[in-house]
Amino acid sequence: MKKILALVCFLVAVAACATQPPGNKDTMSNANKGGEMKSTAAPSEADIIAKEKAGWDAIKKKDWDGFGKMLASDFIDVEDDGVYDKAGSIASLKDFDLSDITYSDWKMLTIDKEAVILTYNVNPKATVKGQPVPPGPYHSAAAYVNRDGEWLGIYYQQTLARTMPPPPSPTASQPAKSAATPGMKMADAGPDPIANEKLVWDALKSKNYDAFAAYLAPNAMEIEAGGVFDKSGSVKRVSMFDASKAELSDWKTVKFDNDASLVTYTVKIPGMNPDQERHSTVWANRDGKWLAMFHQGTPVAKPEPAK
């Protein structure tokens, strides 16, 4: 049910285009005062929010064909029970019935002139096959890219907001590690998001938090079950747990444009609660230097007991 809810939150943003009159499908919402979407300029936050709200009406109408037309062919949906492509995500909506919704804490992060991410909290009143959707709020993120002048949805992820238990402290048997070996130069990130993410985890495993911070953009944003963090908050958070035994797997990437890509993967850290999460990071080229702009973690759902 959580996966079904998640795509719905994302599709809201893209569905508003379906409500526009024929011959004007590339036009922004009224907040854009008639400006056309076929432009290299990123849309304003007000434009994206207006599209997000208008889209919920389309969801109530179950206009799945309209939704599909607003998604990029390489759309990816990252959920607690798996990672889904465009067809799989749309198929999961068939049994979703929405009656009401509240949302808050809107914020748009510009990745580059061709890509943006909208983040917000959502709390829907809905059922799936007659069963109520678990109450939120859910921390949601939806990315849009400019494809030939048309802004399409390319990524969605949601994380159920909850109070997280403090991470376990390193055991006394674990020797303290210095932040960095004197004279050691950290490797530069590049256009390969998988290689970049491995560099980040190498820094975390060696407790080199200065190197970790250097890989983050100044305005980097992180979303976790326990809240939303800026760069300093992220650095503080990672210093509170032992990542030395982290195992990374299930890599997938999506290219936003020549200067931005997303990577998603699974992290397993023995002793953590939960011990598995799905992580996603958006990397962007900033004046020739690749930096992490956005990151979100979603705990992996425990398998449902067999009936």
Protein backbone atom coordinates (compact mmCIF):
# COMPACT_ATOMS: atom_id res chain seq x y z
CA MET A 1 0.00 0.00 0.00
CA LYS A 2 2.85 2.38 0.72
CA LYS A 3 4.23 1.98 -2.79
CA ILE A 4 0.82 2.78 -4.25
CA LEU A 5 0.59 5.91 -2.11
CA ALA A 6 4.06 7.00 -3.10
CA LEU A 7 3.52 7.09 -6.84
CA VAL A 8 0.24 8.91 -6.30
CA CYS A 9 2.06 11.70 -4.47
CA PHE A 10 4.51 12.02 -7.34
CA LEU A 11 1.95 11.75 -10.12
CA VAL A 12 0.04 14.65 -8.63
CA ALA A 13 2.79 16.94 -9.77
CA VAL A 14 2.71 15.82 -13.35
CA ALA A 15 -1.00 15.21 -13.78
CA ALA A 16 -2.05 18.85 -13.85
CA CYS A 17 -0.99 19.12 -17.46
CA ALA A 18 -3.81 16.75 -18.31
CA THR A 19 -6.32 19.36 -17.13
CA GLN A 20 -5.11 22.04 -19.55
CA PRO A 21 -7.07 22.81 -22.74
CA PRO A 22 -6.19 21.13 -26.08
CA GLY A 23 -3.39 22.75 -28.01
CA ASN A 24 -1.90 24.24 -24.85
CA LYS A 25 -0.57 21.18 -23.04
CA ASP A 26 2.89 22.71 -22.62
CA THR A 27 1.58 25.79 -20.88
CA MET A 28 2.37 26.30 -17.20
CA SER A 29 -0.33 26.74 -14.57
CA ASN A 30 -2.02 30.07 -13.96
CA ALA A 31 0.81 30.96 -11.61
CA ASN A 32 3.02 31.24 -14.69
CA LYS A 33 0.74 33.83 -16.33
CA GLY A 34 0.54 32.10 -19.67
CA GLY A 35 4.27 31.35 -20.08
CA GLU A 36 4.97 28.18 -22.05
CA MET A 37 6.75 25.14 -20.67
CA LYS A 38 8.90 24.82 -23.80
CA SER A 39 11.80 26.74 -22.33
CA THR A 40 15.19 25.90 -20.90
CA ALA A 41 14.39 27.94 -17.78
CA ALA A 42 13.39 25.96 -14.70
CA PRO A 43 9.78 26.45 -13.54
CA SER A 44 9.12 28.42 -10.38
CA GLU A 45 8.23 26.79 -7.10
CA ALA A 46 4.74 28.28 -7.35
CA ASP A 47 4.27 26.66 -10.77
CA ILE A 48 5.23 23.21 -9.53
CA ILE A 49 3.09 23.49 -6.40
CA ALA A 50 0.10 24.56 -8.49
CA LYS A 51 0.58 21.54 -10.75
CA GLU A 52 0.92 19.29 -7.70
CA LYS A 53 -2.39 20.42 -6.22
CA ALA A 54 -4.28 20.32 -9.52
CA GLY A 55 -3.10 16.79 -10.13
CA TRP A 56 -4.92 15.34 -7.14
CA ASP A 57 -8.21 16.04 -8.92
CA ALA A 58 -7.02 13.87 -11.81
CA ILE A 59 -6.16 11.10 -9.36
CA LYS A 60 -9.71 11.08 -8.05
CA LYS A 61 -10.89 10.67 -11.65
CA LYS A 62 -8.51 7.73 -12.15
CA ASP A 63 -7.15 9.14 -15.39
CA TRP A 64 -4.22 6.73 -15.62
CA ASP A 65 -3.57 7.41 -19.31
CA GLY A 66 -3.22 11.09 -18.50
CA PHE A 67 -0.73 10.31 -15.77
CA GLY A 68 1.37 8.15 -18.02
CA LYS A 69 1.75 10.86 -20.62
CA MET A 70 3.27 13.12 -17.97
CA LEU A 71 6.05 10.69 -17.01
CA ALA A 72 9.41 10.30 -18.71
CA SER A 73 9.99 6.89 -20.29
CA ASP A 74 12.82 6.25 -17.79
CA PHE A 75 10.79 7.27 -14.73
CA ILE A 76 11.83 5.51 -11.52
CA ASP A 77 9.82 5.03 -8.31
CA VAL A 78 11.76 4.14 -5.14
CA GLU A 79 9.61 2.58 -2.41
CA ASP A 80 10.02 0.63 0.79
CA ASP A 81 9.11 -2.62 -0.99
CA GLY A 82 11.10 -2.15 -4.18
CA VAL A 83 12.16 0.03 -7.10
CA TYR A 84 9.67 0.35 -9.97
CA ASP A 85 9.77 1.55 -13.55
CA LYS A 86 7.05 3.60 -15.21
CA ALA A 87 4.79 0.69 -16.18
CA GLY A 88 5.07 -0.99 -12.79
CA SER A 89 4.30 2.19 -10.91
CA ILE A 90 1.21 3.05 -12.96
CA ALA A 91 -0.10 -0.49 -12.64
CA SER A 92 0.08 -0.22 -8.86
CA LEU A 93 -2.39 2.68 -8.83
CA LYS A 94 -5.40 0.75 -10.08
CA ASP A 95 -6.79 -0.07 -6.64
CA PHE A 96 -6.13 3.32 -5.05
CA ASP A 97 -9.21 5.37 -4.05
CA LEU A 98 -8.55 8.89 -2.78
CA SER A 99 -11.13 10.90 -0.82
CA ASP A 100 -9.09 13.70 0.78
CA ILE A 101 -5.52 14.93 1.26
CA THR A 102 -3.47 17.47 3.20
CA TYR A 103 0.08 18.58 2.45
CA SER A 104 2.65 20.99 3.83
CA ASP A 105 6.27 22.12 3.92
CA TRP A 106 6.72 22.67 0.19
CA LYS A 107 10.20 23.35 -1.08
CA MET A 108 11.77 23.25 -4.54
CA LEU A 109 15.46 22.53 -5.03
CA THR A 110 16.86 23.49 -8.43
CA ILE A 111 19.33 20.87 -9.67
CA ASP A 112 20.18 22.73 -12.88
CA LYS A 113 18.27 24.54 -15.63
CA GLU A 114 16.91 21.20 -16.87
CA ALA A 115 15.97 19.51 -13.58
CA VAL A 116 14.28 20.34 -10.26
CA ILE A 117 13.11 18.45 -7.17
CA LEU A 118 9.97 19.31 -5.21
CA THR A 119 9.81 18.10 -1.60
CA TYR A 120 6.81 18.20 0.73
CA ASN A 121 4.85 16.28 3.37
CA VAL A 122 1.67 14.52 2.34
CA ASN A 123 -1.09 12.88 4.37
CA PRO A 124 -3.83 11.30 2.24
CA LYS A 125 -7.15 9.82 3.22
CA ALA A 126 -7.51 6.87 0.91
CA THR A 127 -8.09 3.13 0.62
CA VAL A 128 -6.49 0.34 -1.37
CA LYS A 129 -8.81 -2.57 -2.10
CA GLY A 130 -11.05 -1.24 0.65
CA GLN A 131 -8.28 -1.13 3.26
CA PRO A 132 -7.26 2.29 4.66
CA VAL A 133 -3.87 3.63 3.66
CA PRO A 134 -1.59 3.93 6.72
CA PRO A 135 -1.71 7.51 8.05
CA GLY A 136 1.22 9.83 7.35
CA PRO A 137 2.74 12.21 7.11
CA TYR A 138 5.06 10.94 4.41
CA HIS A 139 8.19 12.84 3.39
CA SER A 140 7.91 13.01 -0.40
CA ALA A 141 10.25 14.03 -3.21
CA ALA A 142 9.42 14.32 -6.91
CA ALA A 143 11.93 15.22 -9.63
CA TYR A 144 11.12 16.77 -13.00
CA VAL A 145 13.27 17.10 -16.09
CA ASN A 146 12.98 19.19 -19.24
CA ARG A 147 12.71 16.82 -22.18
CA ASP A 148 12.52 18.67 -25.50
CA GLY A 149 10.80 21.62 -23.85
CA GLU A 150 8.31 19.58 -21.83
CA TRP A 151 8.73 19.06 -18.07
CA LEU A 152 8.17 15.39 -17.21
CA GLY A 153 8.31 13.42 -13.99
CA ILE A 154 11.40 11.21 -13.75
CA TYR A 155 11.76 10.19 -10.08
CA TYR A 156 9.64 9.77 -6.97
CA GLN A 157 10.43 8.55 -3.46
CA GLN A 158 8.54 8.71 -0.17
CA THR A 159 9.45 7.91 3.42
CA LEU A 160 7.00 7.48 6.26
CA ALA A 161 7.85 10.11 8.89
CA ARG A 162 8.56 8.64 12.30
CA THR A 163 10.73 9.08 15.36
CA MET A 164 13.85 7.03 14.81
CA PRO A 165 15.70 5.27 17.63
CA PRO A 166 19.23 6.55 18.24
CA PRO A 167 21.88 4.60 16.30
CA PRO A 168 24.00 2.19 18.31
CA SER A 169 27.30 3.62 19.53
CA PRO A 170 30.52 1.99 18.32
CA THR A 171 31.61 -0.78 20.67
CA ALA A 172 34.54 -0.31 22.94
CA SER A 173 36.47 -2.94 20.99
CA GLN A 174 36.42 -0.75 17.88
CA PRO A 175 39.59 1.34 17.74
CA ALA A 176 39.17 5.04 17.16
CA LYS A 177 40.05 6.12 13.64
CA SER A 178 41.50 9.44 12.60
CA ALA A 179 39.44 11.59 10.29
CA ALA A 180 42.02 11.28 7.53
CA THR A 181 45.54 10.08 6.94
CA PRO A 182 47.95 13.06 6.87
CA GLY A 183 48.69 14.05 3.29
CA MET A 184 45.96 11.79 1.88
CA LYS A 185 44.04 13.40 -1.00
CA MET A 186 40.39 12.50 -1.38
CA ALA A 187 39.31 11.29 -4.83
CA ASP A 188 37.26 13.67 -6.93
CA ALA A 189 33.70 12.77 -7.87
CA GLY A 190 32.81 12.55 -11.56
CA PRO A 191 29.90 11.89 -13.93
CA ASP A 192 29.49 8.25 -12.77
CA PRO A 193 26.99 8.42 -9.86
CA ILE A 194 27.68 4.86 -8.71
CA ALA A 195 31.41 5.53 -8.41
CA ASN A 196 30.64 8.77 -6.59
CA GLU A 197 28.41 7.06 -4.07
CA LYS A 198 31.07 4.47 -3.35
CA LEU A 199 33.52 7.30 -2.64
CA VAL A 200 31.05 8.75 -0.13
CA TRP A 201 30.70 5.43 1.67
CA ASP A 202 34.46 4.95 1.69
CA ALA A 203 34.68 8.27 3.53
CA LEU A 204 31.98 7.18 5.99
CA LYS A 205 33.59 3.81 6.63
CA SER A 206 36.89 5.50 7.45
CA LYS A 207 35.11 8.17 9.56
CA ASN A 208 36.51 10.89 7.30
CA TYR A 209 33.64 13.30 7.80
CA ASP A 210 35.54 16.22 6.29
CA ALA A 211 35.77 14.26 3.04
CA PHE A 212 32.07 13.36 3.32
CA ALA A 213 31.19 17.04 3.70
CA ALA A 214 33.36 17.95 0.71
CA TYR A 215 31.22 15.74 -1.54
CA LEU A 216 28.04 17.66 -0.61
CA ALA A 217 26.84 20.82 -2.33
CA PRO A 218 26.47 23.86 0.00
CA ASN A 219 22.67 23.70 -0.38
CA ALA A 220 22.44 19.89 -0.23
CA MET A 221 19.23 18.42 1.19
CA GLU A 222 18.68 15.04 2.86
CA ILE A 223 15.35 13.36 3.66
CA GLU A 224 15.11 10.52 6.17
CA ALA A 225 12.34 8.98 8.24
CA GLY A 226 13.47 11.16 11.15
CA GLY A 227 13.32 14.46 9.30
CA VAL A 228 14.75 16.75 6.63
CA PHE A 229 18.36 17.93 6.97
CA ASP A 230 20.64 20.54 5.44
CA LYS A 231 24.34 19.90 4.79
CA SER A 232 25.48 20.49 8.37
CA GLY A 233 22.66 18.31 9.67
CA SER A 234 23.68 15.50 7.33
CA VAL A 235 27.30 15.64 8.46
CA LYS A 236 26.24 15.52 12.10
CA ARG A 237 23.84 12.65 11.47
CA VAL A 238 26.35 10.36 9.74
CA SER A 239 28.89 10.90 12.51
CA MET A 240 26.48 9.24 14.95
CA PHE A 241 26.62 5.72 13.54
CA ASP A 242 29.23 3.17 12.53
CA ALA A 243 29.20 2.60 8.76
CA SER A 244 32.29 0.37 8.66
CA LYS A 245 30.28 -2.76 7.87
CA ALA A 246 27.86 -1.20 5.38
CA GLU A 247 27.00 -3.38 2.38
CA LEU A 248 25.81 -1.72 -0.85
CA SER A 249 23.82 -3.52 -3.57
CA ASP A 250 21.01 -3.31 -6.17
CA TRP A 251 22.43 -0.33 -8.07
CA LYS A 252 20.28 1.56 -10.58
CA THR A 253 20.90 4.92 -12.26
CA VAL A 254 18.84 7.46 -14.19
CA LYS A 255 20.39 10.28 -16.20
CA PHE A 256 18.53 13.57 -15.77
CA ASP A 257 20.69 15.46 -18.29
CA ASN A 258 24.37 15.92 -19.12
CA ASP A 259 25.01 17.62 -15.77
CA ALA A 260 22.84 15.62 -13.37
CA SER A 261 22.13 11.95 -12.61
CA LEU A 262 20.41 9.90 -9.92
CA VAL A 263 21.64 6.68 -8.36
CA THR A 264 19.56 4.42 -6.12
CA TYR A 265 20.71 1.35 -4.20
CA THR A 266 20.20 -0.72 -1.05
CA VAL A 267 22.29 -0.27 2.10
CA LYS A 268 22.54 -2.97 4.77
CA ILE A 269 24.23 -2.09 8.07
CA PRO A 270 24.24 -4.89 10.68
CA GLY A 271 23.13 -3.65 14.08
CA MET A 272 21.11 -0.71 12.79
CA ASN A 273 17.34 -0.50 13.24
CA PRO A 274 16.20 -0.88 10.55
CA ASP A 275 19.25 -2.61 9.11
CA GLN A 276 18.28 -2.08 5.44
CA GLU A 277 17.32 1.08 3.59
CA ARG A 278 16.87 2.17 -0.01
CA HIS A 279 19.03 5.20 -0.68
CA SER A 280 18.91 7.65 -3.59
CA THR A 281 21.29 10.52 -4.41
CA VAL A 282 21.21 13.18 -7.12
CA TRP A 283 24.67 14.25 -8.31
CA ALA A 284 25.13 17.47 -10.29
CA ASN A 285 28.01 19.20 -12.07
CA ARG A 286 28.83 22.53 -10.43
CA ASP A 287 31.46 24.46 -12.41
CA GLY A 288 33.25 21.26 -13.31
CA LYS A 289 32.94 19.68 -9.85
CA TRP A 290 30.41 16.92 -9.23
CA LEU A 291 28.56 17.30 -5.92
CA ALA A 292 25.70 15.53 -4.14
CA MET A 293 22.64 17.79 -4.23
CA PHE A 294 19.91 15.60 -2.78
CA HIS A 295 19.66 12.36 -0.81
CA GLN A 296 16.75 10.33 0.53
CA GLY A 297 16.60 7.15 2.58
CA THR A 298 13.60 4.85 2.95
CA PRO A 299 13.62 1.84 5.31
CA VAL A 300 13.02 -1.45 3.51
CA ALA A 301 9.62 -2.91 4.33
CA LYS A 302 9.57 -6.21 6.14
CA PRO A 303 7.96 -9.00 4.10
CA GLU A 304 4.31 -9.54 4.92
CA PRO A 305 3.62 -12.87 6.68
CA ALA A 306 2.31 -15.59 4.42
CA LYS A 307 -1.43 -16.06 4.57
